[in-house]
C-alpha atoms as a PDB file:
ATOM      1  CA  UNK A   1     -37.734 -45.486  23.696  1.00  0.00           C
ATOM      2  CA  UNK A   2     -38.786 -47.379  20.646  1.00  0.00           C
ATOM      3  CA  UNK A   3     -35.915 -48.502  18.458  1.00  0.00           C
ATOM      4  CA  UNK A   4     -38.054 -50.208  15.896  1.00  0.00           C
ATOM      5  CA  UNK A   5     -38.213 -49.379  12.263  1.00  0.00           C
ATOM      6  CA  UNK A   6     -40.529 -46.884  10.682  1.00  0.00           C
ATOM      7  CA  UNK A   7     -42.820 -49.667   9.578  1.00  0.00           C
ATOM      8  CA  UNK A   8     -43.260 -50.845  13.177  1.00  0.00           C
ATOM      9  CA  UNK A   9     -44.028 -47.262  14.219  1.00  0.00           C
ATOM     10  CA  UNK A  10     -46.668 -46.905  11.519  1.00  0.00           C
ATOM     11  CA  UNK A  11     -48.184 -50.240  12.493  1.00  0.00           C
ATOM     12  CA  UNK A  12     -48.222 -49.307  16.189  1.00  0.00           C
ATOM     13  CA  UNK A  13     -49.984 -46.002  15.587  1.00  0.00           C
ATOM     14  CA  UNK A  14     -52.487 -47.435  13.189  1.00  0.00           C
ATOM     15  CA  UNK A  15     -53.480 -50.501  15.220  1.00  0.00           C
ATOM     16  CA  UNK A  16     -57.074 -51.107  14.979  1.00  0.00           C
ATOM     17  CA  UNK A  17     -57.293 -49.323  11.713  1.00  0.00           C
ATOM     18  CA  UNK A  18     -56.641 -50.488   8.297  1.00  0.00           C
ATOM     19  CA  UNK A  19     -53.096 -50.003   6.977  1.00  0.00           C
ATOM     20  CA  UNK A  20     -52.980 -47.289   4.303  1.00  0.00           C
ATOM     21  CA  UNK A  21     -51.382 -48.015   0.996  1.00  0.00           C
ATOM     22  CA  UNK A  22     -50.356 -45.533  -1.670  1.00  0.00           C
ATOM     23  CA  UNK A  23     -50.379 -45.814  -5.396  1.00  0.00           C
ATOM     24  CA  UNK A  24     -47.231 -45.079  -7.311  1.00  0.00           C
ATOM     25  CA  UNK A  25     -48.744 -41.801  -8.534  1.00  0.00           C
ATOM     26  CA  UNK A  26     -49.469 -40.740  -4.937  1.00  0.00           C
ATOM     27  CA  UNK A  27     -45.936 -41.632  -3.841  1.00  0.00           C
ATOM     28  CA  UNK A  28     -44.522 -39.707  -6.810  1.00  0.00           C
ATOM     29  CA  UNK A  29     -46.659 -36.684  -5.913  1.00  0.00           C
ATOM     30  CA  UNK A  30     -45.582 -36.812  -2.241  1.00  0.00           C
ATOM     31  CA  UNK A  31     -41.916 -37.085  -3.210  1.00  0.00           C
ATOM     32  CA  UNK A  32     -42.293 -34.374  -5.861  1.00  0.00           C
ATOM     33  CA  UNK A  33     -43.955 -32.013  -3.367  1.00  0.00           C
ATOM     34  CA  UNK A  34     -41.239 -32.663  -0.841  1.00  0.00           C
ATOM     35  CA  UNK A  35     -38.513 -32.040  -3.435  1.00  0.00           C
ATOM     36  CA  UNK A  36     -40.192 -28.785  -4.503  1.00  0.00           C
ATOM     37  CA  UNK A  37     -40.339 -27.571  -0.879  1.00  0.00           C
ATOM     38  CA  UNK A  38     -36.664 -28.432  -0.419  1.00  0.00           C
ATOM     39  CA  UNK A  39     -35.695 -26.753  -3.702  1.00  0.00           C
ATOM     40  CA  UNK A  40     -37.651 -23.632  -2.678  1.00  0.00           C
ATOM     41  CA  UNK A  41     -35.435 -23.359   0.414  1.00  0.00           C
ATOM     42  CA  UNK A  42     -32.409 -22.984  -1.860  1.00  0.00           C
ATOM     43  CA  UNK A  43     -34.053 -21.059  -4.721  1.00  0.00           C
ATOM     44  CA  UNK A  44     -31.821 -18.020  -4.193  1.00  0.00           C
ATOM     45  CA  UNK A  45     -28.627 -20.079  -3.861  1.00  0.00           C
ATOM     46  CA  UNK A  46     -27.193 -18.946  -7.212  1.00  0.00           C
ATOM     47  CA  UNK A  47     -27.991 -15.309  -6.423  1.00  0.00           C
ATOM     48  CA  UNK A  48     -26.355 -15.591  -3.003  1.00  0.00           C
ATOM     49  CA  UNK A  49     -23.377 -17.367  -4.531  1.00  0.00           C
ATOM     50  CA  UNK A  50     -22.936 -14.524  -7.059  1.00  0.00           C
ATOM     51  CA  UNK A  51     -23.260 -11.926  -4.287  1.00  0.00           C
ATOM     52  CA  UNK A  52     -20.639 -13.743  -2.208  1.00  0.00           C
ATOM     53  CA  UNK A  53     -18.251 -13.870  -5.172  1.00  0.00           C
ATOM     54  CA  UNK A  54     -18.801 -10.150  -5.820  1.00  0.00           C
ATOM     55  CA  UNK A  55     -18.218  -9.341  -2.148  1.00  0.00           C
ATOM     56  CA  UNK A  56     -14.997 -11.360  -2.194  1.00  0.00           C
ATOM     57  CA  UNK A  57     -13.843  -9.533  -5.316  1.00  0.00           C
ATOM     58  CA  UNK A  58     -14.770  -6.177  -3.796  1.00  0.00           C
ATOM     59  CA  UNK A  59     -12.988  -7.164  -0.589  1.00  0.00           C
ATOM     60  CA  UNK A  60      -9.790  -7.891  -2.503  1.00  0.00           C
ATOM     61  CA  UNK A  61     -10.164  -4.619  -4.405  1.00  0.00           C
ATOM     62  CA  UNK A  62     -10.637  -2.748  -1.138  1.00  0.00           C
ATOM     63  CA  UNK A  63      -7.543  -4.424   0.323  1.00  0.00           C
ATOM     64  CA  UNK A  64      -5.542  -3.391  -2.753  1.00  0.00           C
ATOM     65  CA  UNK A  65      -6.776   0.189  -2.540  1.00  0.00           C
ATOM     66  CA  UNK A  66      -6.066   0.303   1.199  1.00  0.00           C
ATOM     67  CA  UNK A  67      -2.511  -0.941   0.598  1.00  0.00           C
ATOM     68  CA  UNK A  68      -2.001   1.746  -2.067  1.00  0.00           C
ATOM     69  CA  UNK A  69      -3.379   4.420   0.271  1.00  0.00           C
ATOM     70  CA  UNK A  70      -1.128   3.263   3.107  1.00  0.00           C
ATOM     71  CA  UNK A  71       1.871   3.381   0.764  1.00  0.00           C
ATOM     72  CA  UNK A  72       0.986   6.912  -0.344  1.00  0.00           C
ATOM     73  CA  UNK A  73       0.566   8.062   3.258  1.00  0.00           C
ATOM     74  CA  UNK A  74       3.947   6.587   4.193  1.00  0.00           C
ATOM     75  CA  UNK A  75       5.622   8.222   1.187  1.00  0.00           C
ATOM     76  CA  UNK A  76       4.060  11.585   2.057  1.00  0.00           C
ATOM     77  CA  UNK A  77       5.161  11.300   5.694  1.00  0.00           C
ATOM     78  CA  UNK A  78       8.702  10.469   4.541  1.00  0.00           C
ATOM     79  CA  UNK A  79       8.730  13.390   2.083  1.00  0.00           C
ATOM     80  CA  UNK A  80       7.461  15.771   4.781  1.00  0.00           C
ATOM     81  CA  UNK A  81      10.110  14.590   7.252  1.00  0.00           C
ATOM     82  CA  UNK A  82      12.886  15.005   4.665  1.00  0.00           C
ATOM     83  CA  UNK A  83      11.623  18.522   3.825  1.00  0.00           C
ATOM     84  CA  UNK A  84      11.746  19.387   7.535  1.00  0.00           C
ATOM     85  CA  UNK A  85      15.344  18.154   7.815  1.00  0.00           C
ATOM     86  CA  UNK A  86      16.209  19.957   4.569  1.00  0.00           C
ATOM     87  CA  UNK A  87      14.930  23.276   5.926  1.00  0.00           C
ATOM     88  CA  UNK A  88      16.757  22.768   9.214  1.00  0.00           C
ATOM     89  CA  UNK A  89      20.103  21.822   7.659  1.00  0.00           C
ATOM     90  CA  UNK A  90      20.130  23.592   4.297  1.00  0.00           C
ATOM     91  CA  UNK A  91      20.756  20.333   2.421  1.00  0.00           C
ATOM     92  CA  UNK A  92      18.366  19.693  -0.507  1.00  0.00           C
ATOM     93  CA  UNK A  93      15.741  17.070   0.361  1.00  0.00           C
ATOM     94  CA  UNK A  94      16.522  15.251  -2.898  1.00  0.00           C
ATOM     95  CA  UNK A  95      19.909  14.281  -1.397  1.00  0.00           C
ATOM     96  CA  UNK A  96      18.366  12.784   1.734  1.00  0.00           C
ATOM     97  CA  UNK A  97      17.610   9.071   1.517  1.00  0.00           C
ATOM     98  CA  UNK A  98      17.272   7.908   5.113  1.00  0.00           C
ATOM     99  CA  UNK A  99      13.989   6.706   6.629  1.00  0.00           C
ATOM    100  CA  UNK A 100      13.989   8.420  10.037  1.00  0.00           C
ATOM    101  CA  UNK A 101      14.422  12.037  11.062  1.00  0.00           C
ATOM    102  CA  UNK A 102      17.494  11.259  13.158  1.00  0.00           C
ATOM    103  CA  UNK A 103      19.147   9.327  10.344  1.00  0.00           C
ATOM    104  CA  UNK A 104      18.305  12.072   7.800  1.00  0.00           C
ATOM    105  CA  UNK A 105      19.758  14.721  10.098  1.00  0.00           C
ATOM    106  CA  UNK A 106      22.942  12.690  10.496  1.00  0.00           C
ATOM    107  CA  UNK A 107      23.091  12.193   6.727  1.00  0.00           C
ATOM    108  CA  UNK A 108      22.617  15.917   6.129  1.00  0.00           C
ATOM    109  CA  UNK A 109      25.420  16.728   8.576  1.00  0.00           C
ATOM    110  CA  UNK A 110      27.688  14.238   6.792  1.00  0.00           C
ATOM    111  CA  UNK A 111      26.852  15.852   3.445  1.00  0.00           C
ATOM    112  CA  UNK A 112      27.624  19.286   4.883  1.00  0.00           C
ATOM    113  CA  UNK A 113      30.978  18.057   6.206  1.00  0.00           C
ATOM    114  CA  UNK A 114      31.826  16.507   2.860  1.00  0.00           C
ATOM    115  CA  UNK A 115      30.748  19.542   0.860  1.00  0.00           C
ATOM    116  CA  UNK A 116      32.699  21.965   3.054  1.00  0.00           C
ATOM    117  CA  UNK A 117      35.453  23.463   0.941  1.00  0.00           C
ATOM    118  CA  UNK A 118      38.853  22.249   2.085  1.00  0.00           C
ATOM    119  CA  UNK A 119      40.797  23.883  -0.730  1.00  0.00           C
ATOM    120  CA  UNK A 120      41.165  27.635  -1.185  1.00  0.00           C
ATOM    121  CA  UNK A 121      39.173  29.275  -3.933  1.00  0.00           C
ATOM    122  CA  UNK A 122      41.355  29.453  -7.039  1.00  0.00           C
ATOM    123  CA  UNK A 123      40.743  32.145  -9.646  1.00  0.00           C
ATOM    124  CA  UNK A 124      42.563  34.090 -12.295  1.00  0.00           C
ATOM    125  CA  UNK A 125      44.944  31.566 -13.693  1.00  0.00           C
ATOM    126  CA  UNK A 126      45.608  29.568 -10.579  1.00  0.00           C
ATOM    127  CA  UNK A 127      46.471  32.150  -7.967  1.00  0.00           C
ATOM    128  CA  UNK A 128      44.867  31.914  -4.585  1.00  0.00           C
ATOM    129  CA  UNK A 129      42.627  34.864  -3.933  1.00  0.00           C
ATOM    130  CA  UNK A 130      43.692  36.589  -0.780  1.00  0.00           C
ATOM    131  CA  UNK A 131      41.902  39.553   0.597  1.00  0.00           C
ATOM    132  CA  UNK A 132      43.891  42.736   0.101  1.00  0.00           C
ATOM    133  CA  UNK A 133      46.080  41.448  -2.762  1.00  0.00           C
ATOM    134  CA  UNK A 134      45.323  42.404  -6.341  1.00  0.00           C
ATOM    135  CA  UNK A 135      44.084  39.741  -8.700  1.00  0.00           C
ATOM    136  CA  UNK A 136      46.166  38.409 -11.551  1.00  0.00           C
ATOM    137  CA  UNK A 137      44.050  40.400 -13.924  1.00  0.00           C
ATOM    138  CA  UNK A 138      44.755  43.585 -11.978  1.00  0.00           C
ATOM    139  CA  UNK A 139      48.467  42.764 -11.755  1.00  0.00           C
ATOM    140  CA  UNK A 140      48.586  42.278 -15.537  1.00  0.00           C
ATOM    141  CA  UNK A 141      46.750  45.535 -16.100  1.00  0.00           C
ATOM    142  CA  UNK A 142      49.190  47.365 -13.807  1.00  0.00           C
ATOM    143  CA  UNK A 143      52.207  45.843 -15.606  1.00  0.00           C
ATOM    144  CA  UNK A 144      50.778  46.670 -19.017  1.00  0.00           C
ATOM    145  CA  UNK A 145      50.115  50.270 -18.033  1.00  0.00           C
ATOM    146  CA  UNK A 146      53.698  50.629 -16.771  1.00  0.00           C
ATOM    147  CA  UNK A 147      55.115  49.140 -19.967  1.00  0.00           C
ATOM    148  CA  UNK A 148      53.082  51.459 -22.144  1.00  0.00           C
ATOM    149  CA  UNK A 149      54.226  54.556 -20.250  1.00  0.00           C
ATOM    150  CA  UNK A 150      57.813  53.681 -20.230  1.00  0.00           C
END
């Protein structure tokens, strides 16, 4: 292996021949040609850079849209589950706020227990309505009729 410099390599390969020299114009042309070939390799760099930036922007846009779609799908699944529980329990779905079917069912049962009337139905001036007894209105009408006759 030869570890010599480039000059030694040129001298070794050109032994017996005359060493070639270049004018400044020739060196400039060689360097210019080499630079043009190298620049041609990267001629589409700006175009590729713009395409990469656009792809990155589109990728972020796609991620945003995918996140929105996933959120909509989750909201629809939650709404559907709450509607199912609502139909099964008779509690309006707008009152259900839980995230799972089991939790919504338990919530609906709790709402039913809370909404169950614990007091008797009161009508006609505060009297409890009992089946078979006349209402206050009817009692007043009966009294009035008796007073008018007598």
